[in-house]
């Protein structure tokens, strides 16, 4: 089974999952030792904020771990059979381990001053 982690810098778990274009893919087939197996570095039009087609490179993962995600992203992933997990862990491998163990750290509180007013909410749960 594979898990994707949003990581715009390929070092830490980042938020705004719908706009993310970089994902670390982990294989958790051996739960004791999850390992990174792939890095996706997608063009802007392949972020879920822009993408509205079939056959996305993220398809086939069981879950996406992210620092934050809006309702639209969560709903779209649900339609693809992908669970979205918002977490407060910054280390991607630790976030994957937490997911496997069912001990997700709660997301960190953050201020929303993005300079865009298209009315969206972030769920932290």
PDB file of N, CA and C in Angstrom:
ATOM      1  N   UNK A   1       0.845  -1.174   0.000  1.00  0.00           N
ATOM      2  CA  UNK A   1       0.000   0.000   0.000  1.00  0.00           C
ATOM      3  C   UNK A   1       0.894   1.242   0.000  1.00  0.00           C
ATOM      4  N   UNK A   2       0.445   2.270  -0.706  1.00  0.00           N
ATOM      5  CA  UNK A   2       1.236   3.492  -0.813  1.00  0.00           C
ATOM      6  C   UNK A   2       0.496   4.674  -0.192  1.00  0.00           C
ATOM      7  N   UNK A   3       1.287   5.573   0.379  1.00  0.00           N
ATOM      8  CA  UNK A   3       0.796   6.786   1.015  1.00  0.00           C
ATOM      9  C   UNK A   3       1.526   7.959   0.373  1.00  0.00           C
ATOM     10  N   UNK A   4       0.805   9.036   0.072  1.00  0.00           N
ATOM     11  CA  UNK A   4       1.419  10.251  -0.461  1.00  0.00           C
ATOM     12  C   UNK A   4       1.492  11.297   0.643  1.00  0.00           C
ATOM     13  N   UNK A   5       2.566  12.082   0.640  1.00  0.00           N
ATOM     14  CA  UNK A   5       2.736  13.177   1.589  1.00  0.00           C
ATOM     15  C   UNK A   5       2.966  14.449   0.783  1.00  0.00           C
ATOM     16  N   UNK A   6       2.162  15.501   1.043  1.00  0.00           N
ATOM     17  CA  UNK A   6       2.391  16.767   0.345  1.00  0.00           C
ATOM     18  C   UNK A   6       3.675  17.380   0.886  1.00  0.00           C
ATOM     19  N   UNK A   7       4.591  17.729  -0.020  1.00  0.00           N
ATOM     20  CA  UNK A   7       5.873  18.285   0.395  1.00  0.00           C
ATOM     21  C   UNK A   7       6.432  19.152  -0.721  1.00  0.00           C
ATOM     22  N   UNK A   8       6.134  20.438  -0.660  1.00  0.00           N
ATOM     23  CA  UNK A   8       6.588  21.351  -1.707  1.00  0.00           C
ATOM     24  C   UNK A   8       8.112  21.468  -1.749  1.00  0.00           C
ATOM     25  N   UNK A   9       8.795  21.142  -0.634  1.00  0.00           N
ATOM     26  CA  UNK A   9      10.255  21.252  -0.602  1.00  0.00           C
ATOM     27  C   UNK A   9      10.947  19.885  -0.549  1.00  0.00           C
ATOM     28  N   UNK A  10      10.168  18.810  -0.607  1.00  0.00           N
ATOM     29  CA  UNK A  10      10.684  17.435  -0.517  1.00  0.00           C
ATOM     30  C   UNK A  10      11.436  17.173   0.791  1.00  0.00           C
ATOM     31  N   UNK A  11      11.197  18.010   1.828  1.00  0.00           N
ATOM     32  CA  UNK A  11      11.852  17.810   3.122  1.00  0.00           C
ATOM     33  C   UNK A  11      10.865  17.760   4.274  1.00  0.00           C
ATOM     34  N   UNK A  12       9.789  18.549   4.185  1.00  0.00           N
ATOM     35  CA  UNK A  12       8.818  18.621   5.276  1.00  0.00           C
ATOM     36  C   UNK A  12       7.404  18.446   4.735  1.00  0.00           C
ATOM     37  N   UNK A  13       6.488  18.094   5.635  1.00  0.00           N
ATOM     38  CA  UNK A  13       5.071  18.018   5.275  1.00  0.00           C
ATOM     39  C   UNK A  13       4.577  19.452   5.111  1.00  0.00           C
ATOM     40  N   UNK A  14       3.980  19.758   3.966  1.00  0.00           N
ATOM     41  CA  UNK A  14       3.465  21.106   3.734  1.00  0.00           C
ATOM     42  C   UNK A  14       1.950  21.051   3.557  1.00  0.00           C
ATOM     43  N   UNK A  15       1.325  22.217   3.624  1.00  0.00           N
ATOM     44  CA  UNK A  15      -0.127  22.305   3.562  1.00  0.00           C
ATOM     45  C   UNK A  15      -0.635  22.703   2.196  1.00  0.00           C
ATOM     46  N   UNK A  16      -1.868  23.210   2.184  1.00  0.00           N
ATOM     47  CA  UNK A  16      -2.556  23.594   0.948  1.00  0.00           C
ATOM     48  C   UNK A  16      -2.502  22.459  -0.067  1.00  0.00           C
ATOM     49  N   UNK A  17      -3.017  21.318   0.345  1.00  0.00           N
ATOM     50  CA  UNK A  17      -2.919  20.101  -0.461  1.00  0.00           C
ATOM     51  C   UNK A  17      -3.428  20.285  -1.885  1.00  0.00           C
ATOM     52  N   UNK A  18      -4.497  21.050  -2.062  1.00  0.00           N
ATOM     53  CA  UNK A  18      -5.068  21.237  -3.392  1.00  0.00           C
ATOM     54  C   UNK A  18      -4.141  21.938  -4.357  1.00  0.00           C
ATOM     55  N   UNK A  19      -3.225  22.754  -3.826  1.00  0.00           N
ATOM     56  CA  UNK A  19      -2.278  23.469  -4.680  1.00  0.00           C
ATOM     57  C   UNK A  19      -0.919  22.789  -4.748  1.00  0.00           C
ATOM     58  N   UNK A  20      -0.753  21.736  -3.974  1.00  0.00           N
ATOM     59  CA  UNK A  20       0.535  21.045  -3.935  1.00  0.00           C
ATOM     60  C   UNK A  20       0.834  20.378  -5.276  1.00  0.00           C
ATOM     61  N   UNK A  21       2.097  20.473  -5.689  1.00  0.00           N
ATOM     62  CA  UNK A  21       2.537  19.817  -6.919  1.00  0.00           C
ATOM     63  C   UNK A  21       3.645  18.813  -6.638  1.00  0.00           C
ATOM     64  N   UNK A  22       4.072  18.781  -5.390  1.00  0.00           N
ATOM     65  CA  UNK A  22       5.142  17.849  -5.024  1.00  0.00           C
ATOM     66  C   UNK A  22       4.646  16.909  -3.934  1.00  0.00           C
ATOM     67  N   UNK A  23       4.859  15.636  -4.174  1.00  0.00           N
ATOM     68  CA  UNK A  23       4.420  14.594  -3.252  1.00  0.00           C
ATOM     69  C   UNK A  23       5.549  13.588  -3.052  1.00  0.00           C
ATOM     70  N   UNK A  24       5.733  13.179  -1.817  1.00  0.00           N
ATOM     71  CA  UNK A  24       6.608  12.050  -1.505  1.00  0.00           C
ATOM     72  C   UNK A  24       5.715  10.825  -1.408  1.00  0.00           C
ATOM     73  N   UNK A  25       6.065   9.758  -2.093  1.00  0.00           N
ATOM     74  CA  UNK A  25       5.266   8.532  -2.075  1.00  0.00           C
ATOM     75  C   UNK A  25       6.008   7.487  -1.246  1.00  0.00           C
ATOM     76  N   UNK A  26       5.307   6.962  -0.249  1.00  0.00           N
ATOM     77  CA  UNK A  26       5.878   5.944   0.634  1.00  0.00           C
ATOM     78  C   UNK A  26       5.153   4.623   0.441  1.00  0.00           C
ATOM     79  N   UNK A  27       5.924   3.546   0.460  1.00  0.00           N
ATOM     80  CA  UNK A  27       5.371   2.195   0.447  1.00  0.00           C
ATOM     81  C   UNK A  27       5.310   1.735   1.898  1.00  0.00           C
ATOM     82  N   UNK A  28       4.096   1.400   2.359  1.00  0.00           N
ATOM     83  CA  UNK A  28       3.958   0.947   3.744  1.00  0.00           C
ATOM     84  C   UNK A  28       3.595  -0.537   3.789  1.00  0.00           C
ATOM     85  N   UNK A  29       3.993  -1.265   2.759  1.00  0.00           N
ATOM     86  CA  UNK A  29       3.746  -2.703   2.710  1.00  0.00           C
ATOM     87  C   UNK A  29       4.377  -3.435   3.884  1.00  0.00           C
ATOM     88  N   UNK A  30       5.496  -2.916   4.367  1.00  0.00           N
ATOM     89  CA  UNK A  30       6.125  -3.422   5.584  1.00  0.00           C
ATOM     90  C   UNK A  30       5.964  -2.331   6.637  1.00  0.00           C
ATOM     91  N   UNK A  31       4.913  -2.393   7.465  1.00  0.00           N
ATOM     92  CA  UNK A  31       4.602  -1.296   8.385  1.00  0.00           C
ATOM     93  C   UNK A  31       5.746  -0.905   9.319  1.00  0.00           C
ATOM     94  N   UNK A  32       6.617  -1.852   9.654  1.00  0.00           N
ATOM     95  CA  UNK A  32       7.733  -1.543  10.551  1.00  0.00           C
ATOM     96  C   UNK A  32       8.770  -0.647   9.884  1.00  0.00           C
ATOM     97  N   UNK A  33       8.826  -0.687   8.562  1.00  0.00           N
ATOM     98  CA  UNK A  33       9.854   0.092   7.868  1.00  0.00           C
ATOM     99  C   UNK A  33       9.308   0.707   6.580  1.00  0.00           C
ATOM    100  N   UNK A  34       8.438   1.722   6.713  1.00  0.00           N
ATOM    101  CA  UNK A  34       7.961   2.400   5.507  1.00  0.00           C
ATOM    102  C   UNK A  34       9.138   3.047   4.783  1.00  0.00           C
ATOM    103  N   UNK A  35       9.063   3.060   3.459  1.00  0.00           N
ATOM    104  CA  UNK A  35      10.179   3.648   2.717  1.00  0.00           C
ATOM    105  C   UNK A  35       9.664   4.509   1.573  1.00  0.00           C
ATOM    106  N   UNK A  36      10.419   5.574   1.307  1.00  0.00           N
ATOM    107  CA  UNK A  36      10.090   6.444   0.186  1.00  0.00           C
ATOM    108  C   UNK A  36      10.421   5.706  -1.102  1.00  0.00           C
ATOM    109  N   UNK A  37       9.449   5.676  -2.030  1.00  0.00           N
ATOM    110  CA  UNK A  37       9.671   4.953  -3.280  1.00  0.00           C
ATOM    111  C   UNK A  37       9.590   5.853  -4.510  1.00  0.00           C
ATOM    112  N   UNK A  38       9.061   7.069  -4.337  1.00  0.00           N
ATOM    113  CA  UNK A  38       8.902   7.941  -5.501  1.00  0.00           C
ATOM    114  C   UNK A  38       8.712   9.373  -5.045  1.00  0.00           C
ATOM    115  N   UNK A  39       9.094  10.311  -5.915  1.00  0.00           N
ATOM    116  CA  UNK A  39       8.822  11.732  -5.707  1.00  0.00           C
ATOM    117  C   UNK A  39       8.095  12.250  -6.935  1.00  0.00           C
ATOM    118  N   UNK A  40       6.939  12.852  -6.707  1.00  0.00           N
ATOM    119  CA  UNK A  40       6.198  13.462  -7.809  1.00  0.00           C
ATOM    120  C   UNK A  40       6.468  14.957  -7.808  1.00  0.00           C
ATOM    121  N   UNK A  41       6.888  15.487  -8.933  1.00  0.00           N
ATOM    122  CA  UNK A  41       7.099  16.924  -9.109  1.00  0.00           C
ATOM    123  C   UNK A  41       6.285  17.310 -10.336  1.00  0.00           C
ATOM    124  N   UNK A  42       5.047  17.710 -10.102  1.00  0.00           N
ATOM    125  CA  UNK A  42       4.074  17.877 -11.175  1.00  0.00           C
ATOM    126  C   UNK A  42       4.019  19.311 -11.687  1.00  0.00           C
ATOM    127  N   UNK A  43       3.662  19.503 -12.958  1.00  0.00           N
ATOM    128  CA  UNK A  43       3.447  20.856 -13.466  1.00  0.00           C
ATOM    129  C   UNK A  43       2.215  21.478 -12.807  1.00  0.00           C
ATOM    130  N   UNK A  44       2.144  22.808 -12.821  1.00  0.00           N
ATOM    131  CA  UNK A  44       1.068  23.530 -12.140  1.00  0.00           C
ATOM    132  C   UNK A  44      -0.317  23.028 -12.530  1.00  0.00           C
ATOM    133  N   UNK A  45      -0.503  22.715 -13.797  1.00  0.00           N
ATOM    134  CA  UNK A  45      -1.830  22.279 -14.253  1.00  0.00           C
ATOM    135  C   UNK A  45      -2.227  20.915 -13.688  1.00  0.00           C
ATOM    136  N   UNK A  46      -1.296  20.228 -13.034  1.00  0.00           N
ATOM    137  CA  UNK A  46      -1.615  18.939 -12.418  1.00  0.00           C
ATOM    138  C   UNK A  46      -1.910  19.057 -10.920  1.00  0.00           C
ATOM    139  N   UNK A  47      -1.820  20.282 -10.362  1.00  0.00           N
ATOM    140  CA  UNK A  47      -2.267  20.445  -8.973  1.00  0.00           C
ATOM    141  C   UNK A  47      -3.777  20.250  -8.982  1.00  0.00           C
ATOM    142  N   UNK A  48      -4.335  19.764  -7.882  1.00  0.00           N
ATOM    143  CA  UNK A  48      -5.775  19.499  -7.874  1.00  0.00           C
ATOM    144  C   UNK A  48      -6.594  20.776  -7.920  1.00  0.00           C
ATOM    145  N   UNK A  49      -5.972  21.907  -7.623  1.00  0.00           N
ATOM    146  CA  UNK A  49      -6.650  23.193  -7.765  1.00  0.00           C
ATOM    147  C   UNK A  49      -6.948  23.463  -9.244  1.00  0.00           C
ATOM    148  N   UNK A  50      -6.097  22.940 -10.130  1.00  0.00           N
ATOM    149  CA  UNK A  50      -6.215  23.170 -11.574  1.00  0.00           C
ATOM    150  C   UNK A  50      -6.747  21.955 -12.339  1.00  0.00           C
ATOM    151  N   UNK A  51      -6.493  20.753 -11.841  1.00  0.00           N
ATOM    152  CA  UNK A  51      -6.755  19.514 -12.575  1.00  0.00           C
ATOM    153  C   UNK A  51      -8.210  19.072 -12.423  1.00  0.00           C
ATOM    154  N   UNK A  52      -8.851  18.755 -13.536  1.00  0.00           N
ATOM    155  CA  UNK A  52     -10.245  18.305 -13.494  1.00  0.00           C
ATOM    156  C   UNK A  52     -10.481  17.118 -14.420  1.00  0.00           C
ATOM    157  N   UNK A  53      -9.499  16.255 -14.574  1.00  0.00           N
ATOM    158  CA  UNK A  53      -9.647  15.119 -15.476  1.00  0.00           C
ATOM    159  C   UNK A  53      -9.547  13.796 -14.742  1.00  0.00           C
ATOM    160  N   UNK A  54      -9.317  12.759 -15.515  1.00  0.00           N
ATOM    161  CA  UNK A  54      -9.124  11.423 -14.966  1.00  0.00           C
ATOM    162  C   UNK A  54      -7.646  11.071 -15.059  1.00  0.00           C
ATOM    163  N   UNK A  55      -7.260  10.001 -14.400  1.00  0.00           N
ATOM    164  CA  UNK A  55      -5.906   9.487 -14.542  1.00  0.00           C
ATOM    165  C   UNK A  55      -4.825  10.404 -14.012  1.00  0.00           C
ATOM    166  N   UNK A  56      -4.910  10.777 -12.740  1.00  0.00           N
ATOM    167  CA  UNK A  56      -3.900  11.630 -12.116  1.00  0.00           C
ATOM    168  C   UNK A  56      -2.778  10.763 -11.538  1.00  0.00           C
ATOM    169  N   UNK A  57      -1.524  11.266 -11.538  1.00  0.00           N
ATOM    170  CA  UNK A  57      -0.410  10.468 -11.010  1.00  0.00           C
ATOM    171  C   UNK A  57      -0.573  10.044  -9.544  1.00  0.00           C
ATOM    172  N   UNK A  58      -1.393  10.742  -8.776  1.00  0.00           N
ATOM    173  CA  UNK A  58      -1.591  10.404  -7.361  1.00  0.00           C
ATOM    174  C   UNK A  58      -2.545   9.217  -7.192  1.00  0.00           C
ATOM    175  N   UNK A  59      -3.290   8.896  -8.235  1.00  0.00           N
ATOM    176  CA  UNK A  59      -4.246   7.787  -8.147  1.00  0.00           C
ATOM    177  C   UNK A  59      -3.529   6.507  -7.726  1.00  0.00           C
ATOM    178  N   UNK A  60      -4.196   5.730  -6.903  1.00  0.00           N
ATOM    179  CA  UNK A  60      -3.632   4.465  -6.464  1.00  0.00           C
ATOM    180  C   UNK A  60      -3.060   4.501  -5.060  1.00  0.00           C
ATOM    181  N   UNK A  61      -2.854   5.713  -4.496  1.00  0.00           N
ATOM    182  CA  UNK A  61      -2.405   5.758  -3.107  1.00  0.00           C
ATOM    183  C   UNK A  61      -3.614   5.582  -2.196  1.00  0.00           C
ATOM    184  N   UNK A  62      -3.379   5.102  -0.988  1.00  0.00           N
ATOM    185  CA  UNK A  62      -4.470   4.888  -0.034  1.00  0.00           C
ATOM    186  C   UNK A  62      -4.834   6.168   0.693  1.00  0.00           C
ATOM    187  N   UNK A  63      -3.832   7.045   0.900  1.00  0.00           N
ATOM    188  CA  UNK A  63      -4.071   8.262   1.674  1.00  0.00           C
ATOM    189  C   UNK A  63      -3.095   9.349   1.261  1.00  0.00           C
ATOM    190  N   UNK A  64      -3.502  10.598   1.509  1.00  0.00           N
ATOM    191  CA  UNK A  64      -2.628  11.756   1.361  1.00  0.00           C
ATOM    192  C   UNK A  64      -2.492  12.380   2.745  1.00  0.00           C
ATOM    193  N   UNK A  65      -1.260  12.503   3.222  1.00  0.00           N
ATOM    194  CA  UNK A  65      -0.984  13.188   4.477  1.00  0.00           C
ATOM    195  C   UNK A  65      -0.558  14.609   4.142  1.00  0.00           C
ATOM    196  N   UNK A  66      -1.113  15.597   4.843  1.00  0.00           N
ATOM    197  CA  UNK A  66      -0.863  16.990   4.513  1.00  0.00           C
ATOM    198  C   UNK A  66      -0.985  17.871   5.749  1.00  0.00           C
ATOM    199  N   UNK A  67      -0.427  19.067   5.660  1.00  0.00           N
ATOM    200  CA  UNK A  67      -0.538  20.022   6.753  1.00  0.00           C
ATOM    201  C   UNK A  67      -1.876  20.720   6.787  1.00  0.00           C
ATOM    202  N   UNK A  68      -2.531  20.855   5.635  1.00  0.00           N
ATOM    203  CA  UNK A  68      -3.866  21.458   5.575  1.00  0.00           C
ATOM    204  C   UNK A  68      -4.526  21.103   4.250  1.00  0.00           C
ATOM    205  N   UNK A  69      -5.862  21.066   4.279  1.00  0.00           N
ATOM    206  CA  UNK A  69      -6.628  20.736   3.070  1.00  0.00           C
ATOM    207  C   UNK A  69      -8.026  21.317   3.208  1.00  0.00           C
ATOM    208  N   UNK A  70      -8.550  21.826   2.116  1.00  0.00           N
ATOM    209  CA  UNK A  70      -9.901  22.366   2.110  1.00  0.00           C
ATOM    210  C   UNK A  70     -10.939  21.305   1.792  1.00  0.00           C
ATOM    211  N   UNK A  71     -12.202  21.679   1.963  1.00  0.00           N
ATOM    212  CA  UNK A  71     -13.314  20.758   1.723  1.00  0.00           C
ATOM    213  C   UNK A  71     -13.313  20.193   0.304  1.00  0.00           C
ATOM    214  N   UNK A  72     -13.025  21.045  -0.682  1.00  0.00           N
ATOM    215  CA  UNK A  72     -13.045  20.601  -2.075  1.00  0.00           C
ATOM    216  C   UNK A  72     -12.022  19.513  -2.337  1.00  0.00           C
ATOM    217  N   UNK A  73     -10.807  19.695  -1.818  1.00  0.00           N
ATOM    218  CA  UNK A  73      -9.758  18.691  -1.997  1.00  0.00           C
ATOM    219  C   UNK A  73     -10.154  17.385  -1.324  1.00  0.00           C
ATOM    220  N   UNK A  74     -10.666  17.488  -0.105  1.00  0.00           N
ATOM    221  CA  UNK A  74     -11.067  16.289   0.637  1.00  0.00           C
ATOM    222  C   UNK A  74     -12.152  15.532  -0.122  1.00  0.00           C
ATOM    223  N   UNK A  75     -13.132  16.266  -0.660  1.00  0.00           N
ATOM    224  CA  UNK A  75     -14.222  15.631  -1.416  1.00  0.00           C
ATOM    225  C   UNK A  75     -13.694  14.973  -2.690  1.00  0.00           C
ATOM    226  N   UNK A  76     -12.812  15.664  -3.405  1.00  0.00           N
ATOM    227  CA  UNK A  76     -12.283  15.114  -4.659  1.00  0.00           C
ATOM    228  C   UNK A  76     -11.431  13.872  -4.411  1.00  0.00           C
ATOM    229  N   UNK A  77     -10.665  13.882  -3.345  1.00  0.00           N
ATOM    230  CA  UNK A  77      -9.875  12.694  -3.018  1.00  0.00           C
ATOM    231  C   UNK A  77     -10.804  11.541  -2.632  1.00  0.00           C
ATOM    232  N   UNK A  78     -11.863  11.847  -1.896  1.00  0.00           N
ATOM    233  CA  UNK A  78     -12.836  10.819  -1.531  1.00  0.00           C
ATOM    234  C   UNK A  78     -13.432  10.152  -2.755  1.00  0.00           C
ATOM    235  N   UNK A  79     -13.696  10.943  -3.802  1.00  0.00           N
ATOM    236  CA  UNK A  79     -14.237  10.391  -5.046  1.00  0.00           C
ATOM    237  C   UNK A  79     -13.227   9.461  -5.718  1.00  0.00           C
ATOM    238  N   UNK A  80     -11.947   9.669  -5.438  1.00  0.00           N
ATOM    239  CA  UNK A  80     -10.894   8.829  -6.010  1.00  0.00           C
ATOM    240  C   UNK A  80     -10.547   7.664  -5.084  1.00  0.00           C
ATOM    241  N   UNK A  81     -11.243   7.575  -3.940  1.00  0.00           N
ATOM    242  CA  UNK A  81     -10.974   6.505  -2.989  1.00  0.00           C
ATOM    243  C   UNK A  81      -9.729   6.737  -2.154  1.00  0.00           C
ATOM    244  N   UNK A  82      -9.353   8.009  -1.995  1.00  0.00           N
ATOM    245  CA  UNK A  82      -8.140   8.361  -1.263  1.00  0.00           C
ATOM    246  C   UNK A  82      -8.523   9.107   0.012  1.00  0.00           C
ATOM    247  N   UNK A  83      -8.040   8.625   1.141  1.00  0.00           N
ATOM    248  CA  UNK A  83      -8.281   9.277   2.430  1.00  0.00           C
ATOM    249  C   UNK A  83      -7.350  10.485   2.561  1.00  0.00           C
ATOM    250  N   UNK A  84      -7.860  11.600   3.086  1.00  0.00           N
ATOM    251  CA  UNK A  84      -7.030  12.772   3.363  1.00  0.00           C
ATOM    252  C   UNK A  84      -6.850  12.869   4.870  1.00  0.00           C
ATOM    253  N   UNK A  85      -5.597  12.958   5.309  1.00  0.00           N
ATOM    254  CA  UNK A  85      -5.289  13.061   6.731  1.00  0.00           C
ATOM    255  C   UNK A  85      -4.490  14.340   6.958  1.00  0.00           C
ATOM    256  N   UNK A  86      -5.080  15.270   7.715  1.00  0.00           N
ATOM    257  CA  UNK A  86      -4.398  16.514   8.058  1.00  0.00           C
ATOM    258  C   UNK A  86      -3.642  16.277   9.360  1.00  0.00           C
ATOM    259  N   UNK A  87      -2.344  16.578   9.338  1.00  0.00           N
ATOM    260  CA  UNK A  87      -1.519  16.280  10.512  1.00  0.00           C
ATOM    261  C   UNK A  87      -0.610  17.448  10.865  1.00  0.00           C
ATOM    262  N   UNK A  88      -0.089  17.414  12.081  1.00  0.00           N
ATOM    263  CA  UNK A  88       0.809  18.454  12.563  1.00  0.00           C
ATOM    264  C   UNK A  88       2.272  18.059  12.538  1.00  0.00           C
ATOM    265  N   UNK A  89       2.570  16.855  12.101  1.00  0.00           N
ATOM    266  CA  UNK A  89       3.964  16.388  12.025  1.00  0.00           C
ATOM    267  C   UNK A  89       4.628  16.995  10.800  1.00  0.00           C
ATOM    268  N   UNK A  90       5.842  17.546  10.977  1.00  0.00           N
ATOM    269  CA  UNK A  90       6.547  18.145   9.845  1.00  0.00           C
ATOM    270  C   UNK A  90       7.454  17.163   9.117  1.00  0.00           C
ATOM    271  N   UNK A  91       7.926  16.130   9.811  1.00  0.00           N
ATOM    272  CA  UNK A  91       8.813  15.149   9.192  1.00  0.00           C
ATOM    273  C   UNK A  91       7.973  14.124   8.426  1.00  0.00           C
ATOM    274  N   UNK A  92       8.159  14.023   7.108  1.00  0.00           N
ATOM    275  CA  UNK A  92       7.309  13.124   6.309  1.00  0.00           C
ATOM    276  C   UNK A  92       7.325  11.672   6.774  1.00  0.00           C
ATOM    277  N   UNK A  93       8.501  11.131   7.071  1.00  0.00           N
ATOM    278  CA  UNK A  93       8.581   9.733   7.497  1.00  0.00           C
ATOM    279  C   UNK A  93       7.874   9.535   8.839  1.00  0.00           C
ATOM    280  N   UNK A  94       8.037  10.481   9.761  1.00  0.00           N
ATOM    281  CA  UNK A  94       7.340  10.391  11.047  1.00  0.00           C
ATOM    282  C   UNK A  94       5.831  10.475  10.847  1.00  0.00           C
ATOM    283  N   UNK A  95       5.382  11.333   9.923  1.00  0.00           N
ATOM    284  CA  UNK A  95       3.945  11.449   9.637  1.00  0.00           C
ATOM    285  C   UNK A  95       3.401  10.116   9.125  1.00  0.00           C
ATOM    286  N   UNK A  96       4.163   9.453   8.257  1.00  0.00           N
ATOM    287  CA  UNK A  96       3.749   8.145   7.734  1.00  0.00           C
ATOM    288  C   UNK A  96       3.711   7.119   8.864  1.00  0.00           C
ATOM    289  N   UNK A  97       4.726   7.128   9.714  1.00  0.00           N
ATOM    290  CA  UNK A  97       4.738   6.195  10.858  1.00  0.00           C
ATOM    291  C   UNK A  97       3.541   6.447  11.773  1.00  0.00           C
ATOM    292  N   UNK A  98       3.245   7.731  12.038  1.00  0.00           N
ATOM    293  CA  UNK A  98       2.083   8.076  12.869  1.00  0.00           C
ATOM    294  C   UNK A  98       0.801   7.546  12.236  1.00  0.00           C
ATOM    295  N   UNK A  99       0.680   7.690  10.916  1.00  0.00           N
ATOM    296  CA  UNK A  99      -0.504   7.203  10.199  1.00  0.00           C
ATOM    297  C   UNK A  99      -0.651   5.691  10.384  1.00  0.00           C
ATOM    298  N   UNK A 100       0.440   4.971  10.215  1.00  0.00           N
ATOM    299  CA  UNK A 100       0.415   3.511  10.352  1.00  0.00           C
ATOM    300  C   UNK A 100      -0.027   3.120  11.762  1.00  0.00           C
ATOM    301  N   UNK A 101       0.463   3.865  12.758  1.00  0.00           N
ATOM    302  CA  UNK A 101       0.171   3.537  14.156  1.00  0.00           C
ATOM    303  C   UNK A 101      -1.157   4.120  14.636  1.00  0.00           C
ATOM    304  N   UNK A 102      -1.788   4.961  13.807  1.00  0.00           N
ATOM    305  CA  UNK A 102      -3.048   5.582  14.205  1.00  0.00           C
ATOM    306  C   UNK A 102      -2.880   6.661  15.257  1.00  0.00           C
ATOM    307  N   UNK A 103      -1.712   7.300  15.269  1.00  0.00           N
ATOM    308  CA  UNK A 103      -1.421   8.339  16.265  1.00  0.00           C
ATOM    309  C   UNK A 103      -1.073   9.652  15.578  1.00  0.00           C
ATOM    310  N   UNK A 104      -1.990  10.174  14.794  1.00  0.00           N
ATOM    311  CA  UNK A 104      -1.754  11.409  14.042  1.00  0.00           C
ATOM    312  C   UNK A 104      -1.648  12.592  14.999  1.00  0.00           C
ATOM    313  N   UNK A 105      -0.580  13.393  14.835  1.00  0.00           N
ATOM    314  CA  UNK A 105      -0.448  14.615  15.630  1.00  0.00           C
ATOM    315  C   UNK A 105      -1.440  15.647  15.098  1.00  0.00           C
ATOM    316  N   UNK A 106      -2.117  16.374  15.994  1.00  0.00           N
ATOM    317  CA  UNK A 106      -3.069  17.381  15.511  1.00  0.00           C
ATOM    318  C   UNK A 106      -2.348  18.474  14.737  1.00  0.00           C
ATOM    319  N   UNK A 107      -3.031  19.063  13.752  1.00  0.00           N
ATOM    320  CA  UNK A 107      -2.405  20.119  12.957  1.00  0.00           C
ATOM    321  C   UNK A 107      -2.055  21.320  13.828  1.00  0.00           C
ATOM    322  N   UNK A 108      -1.014  22.010  13.422  1.00  0.00           N
ATOM    323  CA  UNK A 108      -0.606  23.212  14.127  1.00  0.00           C
ATOM    324  C   UNK A 108      -1.564  24.342  13.785  1.00  0.00           C
ATOM    325  N   UNK A 109      -1.952  25.150  14.784  1.00  0.00           N
ATOM    326  CA  UNK A 109      -2.799  26.306  14.457  1.00  0.00           C
ATOM    327  C   UNK A 109      -1.991  27.291  13.619  1.00  0.00           C
ATOM    328  N   UNK A 110      -2.646  27.923  12.663  1.00  0.00           N
ATOM    329  CA  UNK A 110      -1.944  28.899  11.843  1.00  0.00           C
ATOM    330  C   UNK A 110      -2.891  30.014  11.446  1.00  0.00           C
ATOM    331  N   UNK A 111      -2.298  31.159  11.171  1.00  0.00           N
ATOM    332  CA  UNK A 111      -3.076  32.332  10.780  1.00  0.00           C
ATOM    333  C   UNK A 111      -3.400  32.251   9.297  1.00  0.00           C
ATOM    334  N   UNK A 112      -4.575  32.748   8.953  1.00  0.00           N
ATOM    335  CA  UNK A 112      -4.983  32.773   7.548  1.00  0.00           C
ATOM    336  C   UNK A 112      -5.011  34.207   7.058  1.00  0.00           C
ATOM    337  N   UNK A 113      -3.950  34.616   6.399  1.00  0.00           N
ATOM    338  CA  UNK A 113      -3.925  35.924   5.759  1.00  0.00           C
ATOM    339  C   UNK A 113      -3.270  35.714   4.409  1.00  0.00           C
ATOM    340  N   UNK A 114      -4.015  35.108   3.501  1.00  0.00           N
ATOM    341  CA  UNK A 114      -3.459  34.682   2.222  1.00  0.00           C
ATOM    342  C   UNK A 114      -3.613  35.712   1.126  1.00  0.00           C
ATOM    343  N   UNK A 115      -4.401  36.765   1.388  1.00  0.00           N
ATOM    344  CA  UNK A 115      -4.592  37.778   0.370  1.00  0.00           C
ATOM    345  C   UNK A 115      -5.497  37.336  -0.762  1.00  0.00           C
ATOM    346  N   UNK A 116      -6.283  36.304  -0.564  1.00  0.00           N
ATOM    347  CA  UNK A 116      -7.245  35.907  -1.581  1.00  0.00           C
ATOM    348  C   UNK A 116      -8.571  35.665  -0.896  1.00  0.00           C
ATOM    349  N   UNK A 117      -9.639  36.107  -1.516  1.00  0.00           N
ATOM    350  CA  UNK A 117     -10.929  36.043  -0.863  1.00  0.00           C
ATOM    351  C   UNK A 117     -11.918  35.162  -1.575  1.00  0.00           C
ATOM    352  N   UNK A 118     -11.587  33.914  -1.829  1.00  0.00           N
ATOM    353  CA  UNK A 118     -12.560  33.056  -2.480  1.00  0.00           C
ATOM    354  C   UNK A 118     -13.270  32.155  -1.474  1.00  0.00           C
ATOM    355  N   UNK A 119     -13.304  32.587  -0.234  1.00  0.00           N
ATOM    356  CA  UNK A 119     -14.118  31.940   0.792  1.00  0.00           C
ATOM    357  C   UNK A 119     -13.914  30.455   0.926  1.00  0.00           C
ATOM    358  N   UNK A 120     -12.881  30.044   1.589  1.00  0.00           N
ATOM    359  CA  UNK A 120     -12.687  28.625   1.829  1.00  0.00           C
ATOM    360  C   UNK A 120     -12.389  28.398   3.297  1.00  0.00           C
ATOM    361  N   UNK A 121     -12.631  27.186   3.726  1.00  0.00           N
ATOM    362  CA  UNK A 121     -12.373  26.824   5.110  1.00  0.00           C
ATOM    363  C   UNK A 121     -11.319  25.734   5.143  1.00  0.00           C
ATOM    364  N   UNK A 122     -10.634  25.673   6.243  1.00  0.00           N
ATOM    365  CA  UNK A 122      -9.671  24.598   6.458  1.00  0.00           C
ATOM    366  C   UNK A 122     -10.157  23.777   7.630  1.00  0.00           C
ATOM    367  N   UNK A 123     -10.114  22.474   7.482  1.00  0.00           N
ATOM    368  CA  UNK A 123     -10.542  21.603   8.567  1.00  0.00           C
ATOM    369  C   UNK A 123      -9.328  21.049   9.267  1.00  0.00           C
ATOM    370  N   UNK A 124      -9.409  21.044  10.541  1.00  0.00           N
ATOM    371  CA  UNK A 124      -8.298  20.566  11.358  1.00  0.00           C
ATOM    372  C   UNK A 124      -8.809  19.441  12.225  1.00  0.00           C
ATOM    373  N   UNK A 125      -9.013  18.294  11.621  1.00  0.00           N
ATOM    374  CA  UNK A 125      -9.576  17.271  12.442  1.00  0.00           C
ATOM    375  C   UNK A 125      -9.279  15.931  12.039  1.00  0.00           C
TER     376      UNK A 125
END
